[in-house]
Amino acid sequence: MRVTLTIVISTLLLAVVHIFAMPLPPAAYSIGIVLSIQGGLTVRDISAADQLKTRAIGCLVAVAAVAPAAALEPGRPASAVAFPAIIFAAALLRAFGTRWAAVGMFAFMAYFIGA
């Protein structure tokens, strides 16, 4: 129920931004939905404060991952080189614990959908 509610809230917030601030591409909704699911399933910190910290770091990393995905997409070869680098970094982060495993998944999914 918590993940479903998170998806609904994030989608509604994106719709508000789309209507009142700036038009968003369909990929923005996909990224919002997938990262909402990721935030509910992969963040496994014990305290609520630690969960919030992991989600905040994940959001920053997701923005940092989707920006080059959007910039490199017109040049497919550059995007094809960057994607394995993101996968490698996400896999490497898993060695540093559950927080960083979740952050790596945020980065991977954001880049994948953004591209």
PDB file of N, CA and C in Angstrom:
ATOM      1  N   MET A   1       0.820  -1.194   0.000  1.00  0.00           N
ATOM      2  CA  MET A   1       0.000   0.000   0.000  1.00  0.00           C
ATOM      3  C   MET A   1       0.864   1.258   0.000  1.00  0.00           C
ATOM      4  N   ARG A   2       1.974   1.203   0.762  1.00  0.00           N
ATOM      5  CA  ARG A   2       2.853   2.362   0.882  1.00  0.00           C
ATOM      6  C   ARG A   2       3.484   2.707  -0.468  1.00  0.00           C
ATOM      7  N   VAL A   3       3.914   1.695  -1.209  1.00  0.00           N
ATOM      8  CA  VAL A   3       4.533   1.933  -2.510  1.00  0.00           C
ATOM      9  C   VAL A   3       3.500   2.496  -3.488  1.00  0.00           C
ATOM     10  N   THR A   4       2.306   1.950  -3.469  1.00  0.00           N
ATOM     11  CA  THR A   4       1.245   2.440  -4.350  1.00  0.00           C
ATOM     12  C   THR A   4       0.916   3.889  -4.051  1.00  0.00           C
ATOM     13  N   LEU A   5       0.819   4.223  -2.784  1.00  0.00           N
ATOM     14  CA  LEU A   5       0.541   5.611  -2.399  1.00  0.00           C
ATOM     15  C   LEU A   5       1.674   6.532  -2.833  1.00  0.00           C
ATOM     16  N   THR A   6       2.902   6.071  -2.715  1.00  0.00           N
ATOM     17  CA  THR A   6       4.048   6.865  -3.150  1.00  0.00           C
ATOM     18  C   THR A   6       3.997   7.109  -4.656  1.00  0.00           C
ATOM     19  N   ILE A   7       3.629   6.088  -5.417  1.00  0.00           N
ATOM     20  CA  ILE A   7       3.513   6.246  -6.869  1.00  0.00           C
ATOM     21  C   ILE A   7       2.441   7.282  -7.207  1.00  0.00           C
ATOM     22  N   VAL A   8       1.301   7.197  -6.554  1.00  0.00           N
ATOM     23  CA  VAL A   8       0.203   8.132  -6.825  1.00  0.00           C
ATOM     24  C   VAL A   8       0.618   9.557  -6.484  1.00  0.00           C
ATOM     25  N   ILE A   9       1.241   9.750  -5.332  1.00  0.00           N
ATOM     26  CA  ILE A   9       1.643  11.096  -4.918  1.00  0.00           C
ATOM     27  C   ILE A   9       2.694  11.673  -5.862  1.00  0.00           C
ATOM     28  N   SER A  10       3.696  10.878  -6.213  1.00  0.00           N
ATOM     29  CA  SER A  10       4.738  11.405  -7.103  1.00  0.00           C
ATOM     30  C   SER A  10       4.180  11.712  -8.489  1.00  0.00           C
ATOM     31  N   THR A  11       3.263  10.887  -8.976  1.00  0.00           N
ATOM     32  CA  THR A  11       2.656  11.148 -10.283  1.00  0.00           C
ATOM     33  C   THR A  11       1.807  12.411 -10.245  1.00  0.00           C
ATOM     34  N   LEU A  12       1.067  12.602  -9.167  1.00  0.00           N
ATOM     35  CA  LEU A  12       0.274  13.827  -9.030  1.00  0.00           C
ATOM     36  C   LEU A  12       1.162  15.064  -8.940  1.00  0.00           C
ATOM     37  N   LEU A  13       2.265  14.975  -8.221  1.00  0.00           N
ATOM     38  CA  LEU A  13       3.189  16.106  -8.138  1.00  0.00           C
ATOM     39  C   LEU A  13       3.789  16.432  -9.508  1.00  0.00           C
ATOM     40  N   LEU A  14       4.151  15.400 -10.265  1.00  0.00           N
ATOM     41  CA  LEU A  14       4.657  15.636 -11.610  1.00  0.00           C
ATOM     42  C   LEU A  14       3.587  16.262 -12.509  1.00  0.00           C
ATOM     43  N   ALA A  15       2.342  15.843 -12.348  1.00  0.00           N
ATOM     44  CA  ALA A  15       1.254  16.431 -13.132  1.00  0.00           C
ATOM     45  C   ALA A  15       1.070  17.904 -12.790  1.00  0.00           C
ATOM     46  N   VAL A  16       1.193  18.248 -11.512  1.00  0.00           N
ATOM     47  CA  VAL A  16       1.086  19.654 -11.098  1.00  0.00           C
ATOM     48  C   VAL A  16       2.207  20.477 -11.719  1.00  0.00           C
ATOM     49  N   VAL A  17       3.421  19.946 -11.691  1.00  0.00           N
ATOM     50  CA  VAL A  17       4.549  20.642 -12.328  1.00  0.00           C
ATOM     51  C   VAL A  17       4.282  20.789 -13.823  1.00  0.00           C
ATOM     52  N   HIS A  18       3.772  19.738 -14.446  1.00  0.00           N
ATOM     53  CA  HIS A  18       3.489  19.748 -15.874  1.00  0.00           C
ATOM     54  C   HIS A  18       2.441  20.811 -16.228  1.00  0.00           C
ATOM     55  N   ILE A  19       1.421  20.921 -15.418  1.00  0.00           N
ATOM     56  CA  ILE A  19       0.327  21.845 -15.710  1.00  0.00           C
ATOM     57  C   ILE A  19       0.699  23.291 -15.391  1.00  0.00           C
ATOM     58  N   PHE A  20       1.333  23.515 -14.245  1.00  0.00           N
ATOM     59  CA  PHE A  20       1.528  24.879 -13.769  1.00  0.00           C
ATOM     60  C   PHE A  20       2.927  25.454 -13.985  1.00  0.00           C
ATOM     61  N   ALA A  21       3.935  24.631 -14.204  1.00  0.00           N
ATOM     62  CA  ALA A  21       5.288  25.161 -14.306  1.00  0.00           C
ATOM     63  C   ALA A  21       5.895  24.957 -15.691  1.00  0.00           C
ATOM     64  N   MET A  22       6.021  23.711 -16.108  1.00  0.00           N
ATOM     65  CA  MET A  22       6.635  23.433 -17.406  1.00  0.00           C
ATOM     66  C   MET A  22       6.181  22.073 -17.899  1.00  0.00           C
ATOM     67  N   PRO A  23       6.101  21.920 -19.215  1.00  0.00           N
ATOM     68  CA  PRO A  23       5.712  20.614 -19.745  1.00  0.00           C
ATOM     69  C   PRO A  23       6.813  19.585 -19.510  1.00  0.00           C
ATOM     70  N   LEU A  24       6.418  18.398 -19.138  1.00  0.00           N
ATOM     71  CA  LEU A  24       7.357  17.315 -18.873  1.00  0.00           C
ATOM     72  C   LEU A  24       7.197  16.226 -19.923  1.00  0.00           C
ATOM     73  N   PRO A  25       8.295  15.606 -20.320  1.00  0.00           N
ATOM     74  CA  PRO A  25       8.185  14.496 -21.271  1.00  0.00           C
ATOM     75  C   PRO A  25       7.632  13.254 -20.586  1.00  0.00           C
ATOM     76  N   PRO A  26       7.101  12.336 -21.353  1.00  0.00           N
ATOM     77  CA  PRO A  26       6.581  11.096 -20.753  1.00  0.00           C
ATOM     78  C   PRO A  26       7.624  10.339 -19.934  1.00  0.00           C
ATOM     79  N   ALA A  27       8.887  10.446 -20.317  1.00  0.00           N
ATOM     80  CA  ALA A  27       9.944   9.756 -19.556  1.00  0.00           C
ATOM     81  C   ALA A  27      10.016  10.244 -18.116  1.00  0.00           C
ATOM     82  N   ALA A  28       9.654  11.500 -17.873  1.00  0.00           N
ATOM     83  CA  ALA A  28       9.680  12.025 -16.507  1.00  0.00           C
ATOM     84  C   ALA A  28       8.695  11.265 -15.620  1.00  0.00           C
ATOM     85  N   TYR A  29       7.535  10.932 -16.175  1.00  0.00           N
ATOM     86  CA  TYR A  29       6.557  10.162 -15.411  1.00  0.00           C
ATOM     87  C   TYR A  29       7.062   8.743 -15.170  1.00  0.00           C
ATOM     88  N   SER A  30       7.680   8.160 -16.183  1.00  0.00           N
ATOM     89  CA  SER A  30       8.242   6.812 -16.017  1.00  0.00           C
ATOM     90  C   SER A  30       9.317   6.790 -14.946  1.00  0.00           C
ATOM     91  N   ILE A  31      10.194   7.766 -14.989  1.00  0.00           N
ATOM     92  CA  ILE A  31      11.252   7.847 -13.978  1.00  0.00           C
ATOM     93  C   ILE A  31      10.647   8.038 -12.596  1.00  0.00           C
ATOM     94  N   GLY A  32       9.656   8.903 -12.482  1.00  0.00           N
ATOM     95  CA  GLY A  32       9.005   9.131 -11.194  1.00  0.00           C
ATOM     96  C   GLY A  32       8.368   7.870 -10.631  1.00  0.00           C
ATOM     97  N   ILE A  33       7.693   7.125 -11.485  1.00  0.00           N
ATOM     98  CA  ILE A  33       7.037   5.892 -11.036  1.00  0.00           C
ATOM     99  C   ILE A  33       8.064   4.847 -10.622  1.00  0.00           C
ATOM    100  N   VAL A  34       9.076   4.634 -11.453  1.00  0.00           N
ATOM    101  CA  VAL A  34      10.077   3.607 -11.145  1.00  0.00           C
ATOM    102  C   VAL A  34      10.875   3.977  -9.896  1.00  0.00           C
ATOM    103  N   LEU A  35      11.241   5.248  -9.753  1.00  0.00           N
ATOM    104  CA  LEU A  35      11.996   5.642  -8.562  1.00  0.00           C
ATOM    105  C   LEU A  35      11.128   5.606  -7.306  1.00  0.00           C
ATOM    106  N   SER A  36       9.835   5.795  -7.462  1.00  0.00           N
ATOM    107  CA  SER A  36       8.936   5.620  -6.317  1.00  0.00           C
ATOM    108  C   SER A  36       8.925   4.168  -5.864  1.00  0.00           C
ATOM    109  N   ILE A  37       8.884   3.276  -6.817  1.00  0.00           N
ATOM    110  CA  ILE A  37       8.938   1.848  -6.488  1.00  0.00           C
ATOM    111  C   ILE A  37      10.277   1.512  -5.856  1.00  0.00           C
ATOM    112  N   GLN A  38      11.362   2.009  -6.451  1.00  0.00           N
ATOM    113  CA  GLN A  38      12.700   1.757  -5.905  1.00  0.00           C
ATOM    114  C   GLN A  38      12.810   2.273  -4.472  1.00  0.00           C
ATOM    115  N   GLY A  39      12.289   3.458  -4.235  1.00  0.00           N
ATOM    116  CA  GLY A  39      12.353   4.036  -2.889  1.00  0.00           C
ATOM    117  C   GLY A  39      11.601   3.211  -1.863  1.00  0.00           C
ATOM    118  N   GLY A  40      10.546   2.565  -2.299  1.00  0.00           N
ATOM    119  CA  GLY A  40       9.772   1.746  -1.375  1.00  0.00           C
ATOM    120  C   GLY A  40      10.323   0.352  -1.166  1.00  0.00           C
ATOM    121  N   LEU A  41      11.023  -0.165  -2.170  1.00  0.00           N
ATOM    122  CA  LEU A  41      11.471  -1.554  -2.091  1.00  0.00           C
ATOM    123  C   LEU A  41      12.949  -1.722  -1.757  1.00  0.00           C
ATOM    124  N   THR A  42      13.795  -0.811  -2.211  1.00  0.00           N
ATOM    125  CA  THR A  42      15.230  -1.022  -2.014  1.00  0.00           C
ATOM    126  C   THR A  42      15.806  -0.295  -0.811  1.00  0.00           C
ATOM    127  N   VAL A  43      15.102   0.708  -0.302  1.00  0.00           N
ATOM    128  CA  VAL A  43      15.596   1.435   0.870  1.00  0.00           C
ATOM    129  C   VAL A  43      15.243   0.607   2.099  1.00  0.00           C
ATOM    130  N   ARG A  44      16.268   0.079   2.761  1.00  0.00           N
ATOM    131  CA  ARG A  44      16.060  -0.849   3.873  1.00  0.00           C
ATOM    132  C   ARG A  44      16.691  -0.373   5.179  1.00  0.00           C
ATOM    133  N   ASP A  45      16.888   0.921   5.311  1.00  0.00           N
ATOM    134  CA  ASP A  45      17.439   1.445   6.559  1.00  0.00           C
ATOM    135  C   ASP A  45      16.446   1.239   7.694  1.00  0.00           C
ATOM    136  N   ILE A  46      16.965   1.152   8.913  1.00  0.00           N
ATOM    137  CA  ILE A  46      16.106   0.850  10.059  1.00  0.00           C
ATOM    138  C   ILE A  46      15.293   2.058  10.492  1.00  0.00           C
ATOM    139  N   SER A  47      15.944   3.193  10.679  1.00  0.00           N
ATOM    140  CA  SER A  47      15.218   4.365  11.191  1.00  0.00           C
ATOM    141  C   SER A  47      14.641   5.181  10.035  1.00  0.00           C
ATOM    142  N   ALA A  48      13.595   5.919  10.327  1.00  0.00           N
ATOM    143  CA  ALA A  48      12.961   6.772   9.322  1.00  0.00           C
ATOM    144  C   ALA A  48      13.917   7.863   8.852  1.00  0.00           C
ATOM    145  N   ALA A  49      14.747   8.373   9.760  1.00  0.00           N
ATOM    146  CA  ALA A  49      15.716   9.408   9.385  1.00  0.00           C
ATOM    147  C   ALA A  49      16.745   8.860   8.401  1.00  0.00           C
ATOM    148  N   ASP A  50      17.204   7.643   8.645  1.00  0.00           N
ATOM    149  CA  ASP A  50      18.158   7.028   7.722  1.00  0.00           C
ATOM    150  C   ASP A  50      17.508   6.719   6.376  1.00  0.00           C
ATOM    151  N   GLN A  51      16.253   6.311   6.384  1.00  0.00           N
ATOM    152  CA  GLN A  51      15.536   6.067   5.138  1.00  0.00           C
ATOM    153  C   GLN A  51      15.414   7.351   4.328  1.00  0.00           C
ATOM    154  N   LEU A  52      15.089   8.440   5.021  1.00  0.00           N
ATOM    155  CA  LEU A  52      14.977   9.731   4.345  1.00  0.00           C
ATOM    156  C   LEU A  52      16.320  10.146   3.758  1.00  0.00           C
ATOM    157  N   LYS A  53      17.395   9.920   4.503  1.00  0.00           N
ATOM    158  CA  LYS A  53      18.729  10.257   4.018  1.00  0.00           C
ATOM    159  C   LYS A  53      19.071   9.447   2.766  1.00  0.00           C
ATOM    160  N   THR A  54      18.770   8.159   2.780  1.00  0.00           N
ATOM    161  CA  THR A  54      19.041   7.312   1.618  1.00  0.00           C
ATOM    162  C   THR A  54      18.228   7.768   0.415  1.00  0.00           C
ATOM    163  N   ARG A  55      16.964   8.091   0.627  1.00  0.00           N
ATOM    164  CA  ARG A  55      16.125   8.556  -0.478  1.00  0.00           C
ATOM    165  C   ARG A  55      16.617   9.888  -1.027  1.00  0.00           C
ATOM    166  N   ALA A  56      17.063  10.781  -0.147  1.00  0.00           N
ATOM    167  CA  ALA A  56      17.588  12.078  -0.598  1.00  0.00           C
ATOM    168  C   ALA A  56      18.856  11.897  -1.424  1.00  0.00           C
ATOM    169  N   ILE A  57      19.750  11.053  -0.950  1.00  0.00           N
ATOM    170  CA  ILE A  57      20.970  10.770  -1.716  1.00  0.00           C
ATOM    171  C   ILE A  57      20.592  10.123  -3.048  1.00  0.00           C
ATOM    172  N   GLY A  58      19.640   9.196  -3.010  1.00  0.00           N
ATOM    173  CA  GLY A  58      19.193   8.534  -4.229  1.00  0.00           C
ATOM    174  C   GLY A  58      18.614   9.502  -5.241  1.00  0.00           C
ATOM    175  N   CYS A  59      17.857  10.476  -4.767  1.00  0.00           N
ATOM    176  CA  CYS A  59      17.285  11.483  -5.676  1.00  0.00           C
ATOM    177  C   CYS A  59      18.379  12.323  -6.324  1.00  0.00           C
ATOM    178  N   LEU A  60      19.353  12.731  -5.525  1.00  0.00           N
ATOM    179  CA  LEU A  60      20.463  13.514  -6.081  1.00  0.00           C
ATOM    180  C   LEU A  60      21.243  12.703  -7.115  1.00  0.00           C
ATOM    181  N   VAL A  61      21.496  11.452  -6.804  1.00  0.00           N
ATOM    182  CA  VAL A  61      22.230  10.585  -7.727  1.00  0.00           C
ATOM    183  C   VAL A  61      21.390  10.324  -8.982  1.00  0.00           C
ATOM    184  N   ALA A  62      20.089  10.169  -8.824  1.00  0.00           N
ATOM    185  CA  ALA A  62      19.222   9.949  -9.987  1.00  0.00           C
ATOM    186  C   ALA A  62      19.253  11.152 -10.927  1.00  0.00           C
ATOM    187  N   VAL A  63      19.208  12.350 -10.370  1.00  0.00           N
ATOM    188  CA  VAL A  63      19.302  13.555 -11.205  1.00  0.00           C
ATOM    189  C   VAL A  63      20.664  13.602 -11.900  1.00  0.00           C
ATOM    190  N   ALA A  64      21.720  13.256 -11.135  1.00  0.00           N
ATOM    191  CA  ALA A  64      23.061  13.237 -11.714  1.00  0.00           C
ATOM    192  C   ALA A  64      23.204  12.175 -12.792  1.00  0.00           C
ATOM    193  N   ALA A  65      22.410  11.125 -12.744  1.00  0.00           N
ATOM    194  CA  ALA A  65      22.471  10.065 -13.757  1.00  0.00           C
ATOM    195  C   ALA A  65      21.590  10.369 -14.963  1.00  0.00           C
ATOM    196  N   VAL A  66      20.440  10.994 -14.740  1.00  0.00           N
ATOM    197  CA  VAL A  66      19.527  11.235 -15.858  1.00  0.00           C
ATOM    198  C   VAL A  66      20.003  12.408 -16.711  1.00  0.00           C
ATOM    199  N   ALA A  67      20.738  13.327 -16.137  1.00  0.00           N
ATOM    200  CA  ALA A  67      21.232  14.469 -16.921  1.00  0.00           C
ATOM    201  C   ALA A  67      22.163  14.025 -18.048  1.00  0.00           C
ATOM    202  N   PRO A  68      23.190  13.217 -17.774  1.00  0.00           N
ATOM    203  CA  PRO A  68      24.009  12.767 -18.906  1.00  0.00           C
ATOM    204  C   PRO A  68      23.251  11.825 -19.848  1.00  0.00           C
ATOM    205  N   ALA A  69      22.282  11.095 -19.330  1.00  0.00           N
ATOM    206  CA  ALA A  69      21.487  10.221 -20.207  1.00  0.00           C
ATOM    207  C   ALA A  69      20.766  11.058 -21.254  1.00  0.00           C
ATOM    208  N   ALA A  70      20.176  12.155 -20.823  1.00  0.00           N
ATOM    209  CA  ALA A  70      19.465  13.029 -21.761  1.00  0.00           C
ATOM    210  C   ALA A  70      20.437  13.735 -22.695  1.00  0.00           C
ATOM    211  N   ALA A  71      21.581  14.146 -22.167  1.00  0.00           N
ATOM    212  CA  ALA A  71      22.553  14.868 -22.987  1.00  0.00           C
ATOM    213  C   ALA A  71      23.227  13.963 -24.013  1.00  0.00           C
ATOM    214  N   LEU A  72      23.480  12.722 -23.646  1.00  0.00           N
ATOM    215  CA  LEU A  72      24.207  11.812 -24.525  1.00  0.00           C
ATOM    216  C   LEU A  72      23.311  11.029 -25.477  1.00  0.00           C
ATOM    217  N   GLU A  73      22.026  11.052 -25.277  1.00  0.00           N
ATOM    218  CA  GLU A  73      21.136  10.222 -26.091  1.00  0.00           C
ATOM    219  C   GLU A  73      21.201  10.533 -27.582  1.00  0.00           C
ATOM    220  N   PRO A  74      21.309  11.784 -28.014  1.00  0.00           N
ATOM    221  CA  PRO A  74      21.413  12.013 -29.464  1.00  0.00           C
ATOM    222  C   PRO A  74      22.643  11.342 -30.085  1.00  0.00           C
ATOM    223  N   GLY A  75      23.723  11.219 -29.327  1.00  0.00           N
ATOM    224  CA  GLY A  75      24.903  10.519 -29.818  1.00  0.00           C
ATOM    225  C   GLY A  75      24.920   9.113 -29.255  1.00  0.00           C
ATOM    226  N   ARG A  76      24.265   8.204 -29.925  1.00  0.00           N
ATOM    227  CA  ARG A  76      24.100   6.843 -29.426  1.00  0.00           C
ATOM    228  C   ARG A  76      25.400   6.167 -28.993  1.00  0.00           C
ATOM    229  N   PRO A  77      26.515   6.318 -29.721  1.00  0.00           N
ATOM    230  CA  PRO A  77      27.747   5.649 -29.277  1.00  0.00           C
ATOM    231  C   PRO A  77      28.214   6.130 -27.896  1.00  0.00           C
ATOM    232  N   ALA A  78      28.106   7.416 -27.639  1.00  0.00           N
ATOM    233  CA  ALA A  78      28.516   7.940 -26.333  1.00  0.00           C
ATOM    234  C   ALA A  78      27.602   7.403 -25.237  1.00  0.00           C
ATOM    235  N   SER A  79      26.321   7.329 -25.516  1.00  0.00           N
ATOM    236  CA  SER A  79      25.378   6.778 -24.546  1.00  0.00           C
ATOM    237  C   SER A  79      25.645   5.302 -24.296  1.00  0.00           C
ATOM    238  N   ALA A  80      26.024   4.592 -25.343  1.00  0.00           N
ATOM    239  CA  ALA A  80      26.317   3.160 -25.205  1.00  0.00           C
ATOM    240  C   ALA A  80      27.567   2.913 -24.368  1.00  0.00           C
ATOM    241  N   VAL A  81      28.478   3.866 -24.341  1.00  0.00           N
ATOM    242  CA  VAL A  81      29.674   3.747 -23.506  1.00  0.00           C
ATOM    243  C   VAL A  81      29.356   4.140 -22.064  1.00  0.00           C
ATOM    244  N   ALA A  82      28.536   5.153 -21.898  1.00  0.00           N
ATOM    245  CA  ALA A  82      28.215   5.640 -20.556  1.00  0.00           C
ATOM    246  C   ALA A  82      27.363   4.640 -19.774  1.00  0.00           C
ATOM    247  N   PHE A  83      26.479   3.924 -20.454  1.00  0.00           N
ATOM    248  CA  PHE A  83      25.581   3.012 -19.751  1.00  0.00           C
ATOM    249  C   PHE A  83      26.325   1.912 -19.000  1.00  0.00           C
ATOM    250  N   PRO A  84      27.298   1.219 -19.610  1.00  0.00           N
ATOM    251  CA  PRO A  84      28.047   0.229 -18.825  1.00  0.00           C
ATOM    252  C   PRO A  84      28.814   0.857 -17.656  1.00  0.00           C
ATOM    253  N   ALA A  85      29.242   2.100 -17.825  1.00  0.00           N
ATOM    254  CA  ALA A  85      29.925   2.775 -16.718  1.00  0.00           C
ATOM    255  C   ALA A  85      28.969   2.984 -15.548  1.00  0.00           C
ATOM    256  N   ILE A  86      27.731   3.343 -15.833  1.00  0.00           N
ATOM    257  CA  ILE A  86      26.710   3.499 -14.782  1.00  0.00           C
ATOM    258  C   ILE A  86      26.431   2.142 -14.133  1.00  0.00           C
ATOM    259  N   ILE A  87      26.324   1.101 -14.929  1.00  0.00           N
ATOM    260  CA  ILE A  87      26.086  -0.241 -14.391  1.00  0.00           C
ATOM    261  C   ILE A  87      27.235  -0.653 -13.474  1.00  0.00           C
ATOM    262  N   PHE A  88      28.465  -0.413 -13.917  1.00  0.00           N
ATOM    263  CA  PHE A  88      29.633  -0.749 -13.103  1.00  0.00           C
ATOM    264  C   PHE A  88      29.615   0.020 -11.782  1.00  0.00           C
ATOM    265  N   ALA A  89      29.334   1.321 -11.845  1.00  0.00           N
ATOM    266  CA  ALA A  89      29.303   2.132 -10.621  1.00  0.00           C
ATOM    267  C   ALA A  89      28.204   1.654  -9.678  1.00  0.00           C
ATOM    268  N   ALA A  90      27.031   1.321 -10.225  1.00  0.00           N
ATOM    269  CA  ALA A  90      25.930   0.839  -9.392  1.00  0.00           C
ATOM    270  C   ALA A  90      26.283  -0.480  -8.727  1.00  0.00           C
ATOM    271  N   ALA A  91      26.931  -1.367  -9.473  1.00  0.00           N
ATOM    272  CA  ALA A  91      27.344  -2.654  -8.898  1.00  0.00           C
ATOM    273  C   ALA A  91      28.434  -2.460  -7.855  1.00  0.00           C
ATOM    274  N   LEU A  92      29.331  -1.543  -8.094  1.00  0.00           N
ATOM    275  CA  LEU A  92      30.407  -1.254  -7.152  1.00  0.00           C
ATOM    276  C   LEU A  92      29.858  -0.704  -5.836  1.00  0.00           C
ATOM    277  N   LEU A  93      28.833   0.121  -5.916  1.00  0.00           N
ATOM    278  CA  LEU A  93      28.240   0.704  -4.707  1.00  0.00           C
ATOM    279  C   LEU A  93      27.644  -0.353  -3.785  1.00  0.00           C
ATOM    280  N   ARG A  94      27.231  -1.481  -4.345  1.00  0.00           N
ATOM    281  CA  ARG A  94      26.633  -2.548  -3.527  1.00  0.00           C
ATOM    282  C   ARG A  94      27.592  -3.047  -2.456  1.00  0.00           C
ATOM    283  N   ALA A  95      28.883  -2.926  -2.709  1.00  0.00           N
ATOM    284  CA  ALA A  95      29.884  -3.404  -1.749  1.00  0.00           C
ATOM    285  C   ALA A  95      29.918  -2.563  -0.475  1.00  0.00           C
ATOM    286  N   PHE A  96      29.324  -1.380  -0.507  1.00  0.00           N
ATOM    287  CA  PHE A  96      29.376  -0.463   0.632  1.00  0.00           C
ATOM    288  C   PHE A  96      28.140  -0.520   1.526  1.00  0.00           C
ATOM    289  N   GLY A  97      27.263  -1.488   1.304  1.00  0.00           N
ATOM    290  CA  GLY A  97      26.111  -1.673   2.181  1.00  0.00           C
ATOM    291  C   GLY A  97      24.783  -1.433   1.496  1.00  0.00           C
ATOM    292  N   THR A  98      23.725  -1.627   2.279  1.00  0.00           N
ATOM    293  CA  THR A  98      22.372  -1.550   1.712  1.00  0.00           C
ATOM    294  C   THR A  98      22.006  -0.152   1.243  1.00  0.00           C
ATOM    295  N   ARG A  99      22.471   0.873   1.958  1.00  0.00           N
ATOM    296  CA  ARG A  99      22.164   2.245   1.525  1.00  0.00           C
ATOM    297  C   ARG A  99      22.715   2.470   0.128  1.00  0.00           C
ATOM    298  N   TRP A 100      23.941   2.085  -0.091  1.00  0.00           N
ATOM    299  CA  TRP A 100      24.591   2.359  -1.367  1.00  0.00           C
ATOM    300  C   TRP A 100      24.105   1.423  -2.461  1.00  0.00           C
ATOM    301  N   ALA A 101      23.630   0.249  -2.089  1.00  0.00           N
ATOM    302  CA  ALA A 101      22.994  -0.621  -3.075  1.00  0.00           C
ATOM    303  C   ALA A 101      21.732   0.053  -3.607  1.00  0.00           C
ATOM    304  N   ALA A 102      20.960   0.650  -2.712  1.00  0.00           N
ATOM    305  CA  ALA A 102      19.747   1.366  -3.123  1.00  0.00           C
ATOM    306  C   ALA A 102      20.101   2.574  -3.988  1.00  0.00           C
ATOM    307  N   VAL A 103      21.130   3.316  -3.589  1.00  0.00           N
ATOM    308  CA  VAL A 103      21.548   4.488  -4.360  1.00  0.00           C
ATOM    309  C   VAL A 103      21.998   4.064  -5.759  1.00  0.00           C
ATOM    310  N   GLY A 104      22.715   2.955  -5.849  1.00  0.00           N
ATOM    311  CA  GLY A 104      23.132   2.445  -7.153  1.00  0.00           C
ATOM    312  C   GLY A 104      21.950   2.088  -8.036  1.00  0.00           C
ATOM    313  N   MET A 105      20.917   1.518  -7.444  1.00  0.00           N
ATOM    314  CA  MET A 105      19.713   1.189  -8.217  1.00  0.00           C
ATOM    315  C   MET A 105      18.993   2.449  -8.686  1.00  0.00           C
ATOM    316  N   PHE A 106      18.983   3.488  -7.839  1.00  0.00           N
ATOM    317  CA  PHE A 106      18.405   4.766  -8.263  1.00  0.00           C
ATOM    318  C   PHE A 106      19.143   5.277  -9.507  1.00  0.00           C
ATOM    319  N   ALA A 107      20.476   5.239  -9.465  1.00  0.00           N
ATOM    320  CA  ALA A 107      21.278   5.737 -10.586  1.00  0.00           C
ATOM    321  C   ALA A 107      21.032   4.900 -11.844  1.00  0.00           C
ATOM    322  N   PHE A 108      21.070   3.584 -11.703  1.00  0.00           N
ATOM    323  CA  PHE A 108      20.888   2.698 -12.845  1.00  0.00           C
ATOM    324  C   PHE A 108      19.535   2.915 -13.508  1.00  0.00           C
ATOM    325  N   MET A 109      18.471   2.882 -12.711  1.00  0.00           N
ATOM    326  CA  MET A 109      17.132   2.999 -13.270  1.00  0.00           C
ATOM    327  C   MET A 109      16.895   4.380 -13.892  1.00  0.00           C
ATOM    328  N   ALA A 110      17.415   5.428 -13.249  1.00  0.00           N
ATOM    329  CA  ALA A 110      17.240   6.771 -13.796  1.00  0.00           C
ATOM    330  C   ALA A 110      17.936   6.899 -15.146  1.00  0.00           C
ATOM    331  N   TYR A 111      19.173   6.383 -15.227  1.00  0.00           N
ATOM    332  CA  TYR A 111      19.890   6.466 -16.509  1.00  0.00           C
ATOM    333  C   TYR A 111      19.183   5.622 -17.570  1.00  0.00           C
ATOM    334  N   PHE A 112      18.788   4.416 -17.209  1.00  0.00           N
ATOM    335  CA  PHE A 112      18.157   3.508 -18.169  1.00  0.00           C
ATOM    336  C   PHE A 112      16.891   4.113 -18.758  1.00  0.00           C
ATOM    337  N   ILE A 113      16.033   4.645 -17.918  1.00  0.00           N
ATOM    338  CA  ILE A 113      14.786   5.209 -18.408  1.00  0.00           C
ATOM    339  C   ILE A 113      15.033   6.556 -19.087  1.00  0.00           C
ATOM    340  N   GLY A 114      15.962   7.334 -18.546  1.00  0.00           N
ATOM    341  CA  GLY A 114      16.280   8.629 -19.149  1.00  0.00           C
ATOM    342  C   GLY A 114      16.851   8.514 -20.553  1.00  0.00           C
ATOM    343  N   ALA A 115      17.582   7.437 -20.787  1.00  0.00           N
ATOM    344  CA  ALA A 115      18.160   7.246 -22.130  1.00  0.00           C
ATOM    345  C   ALA A 115      17.101   6.728 -23.082  1.00  0.00           C
TER     346      ALA A 115
END
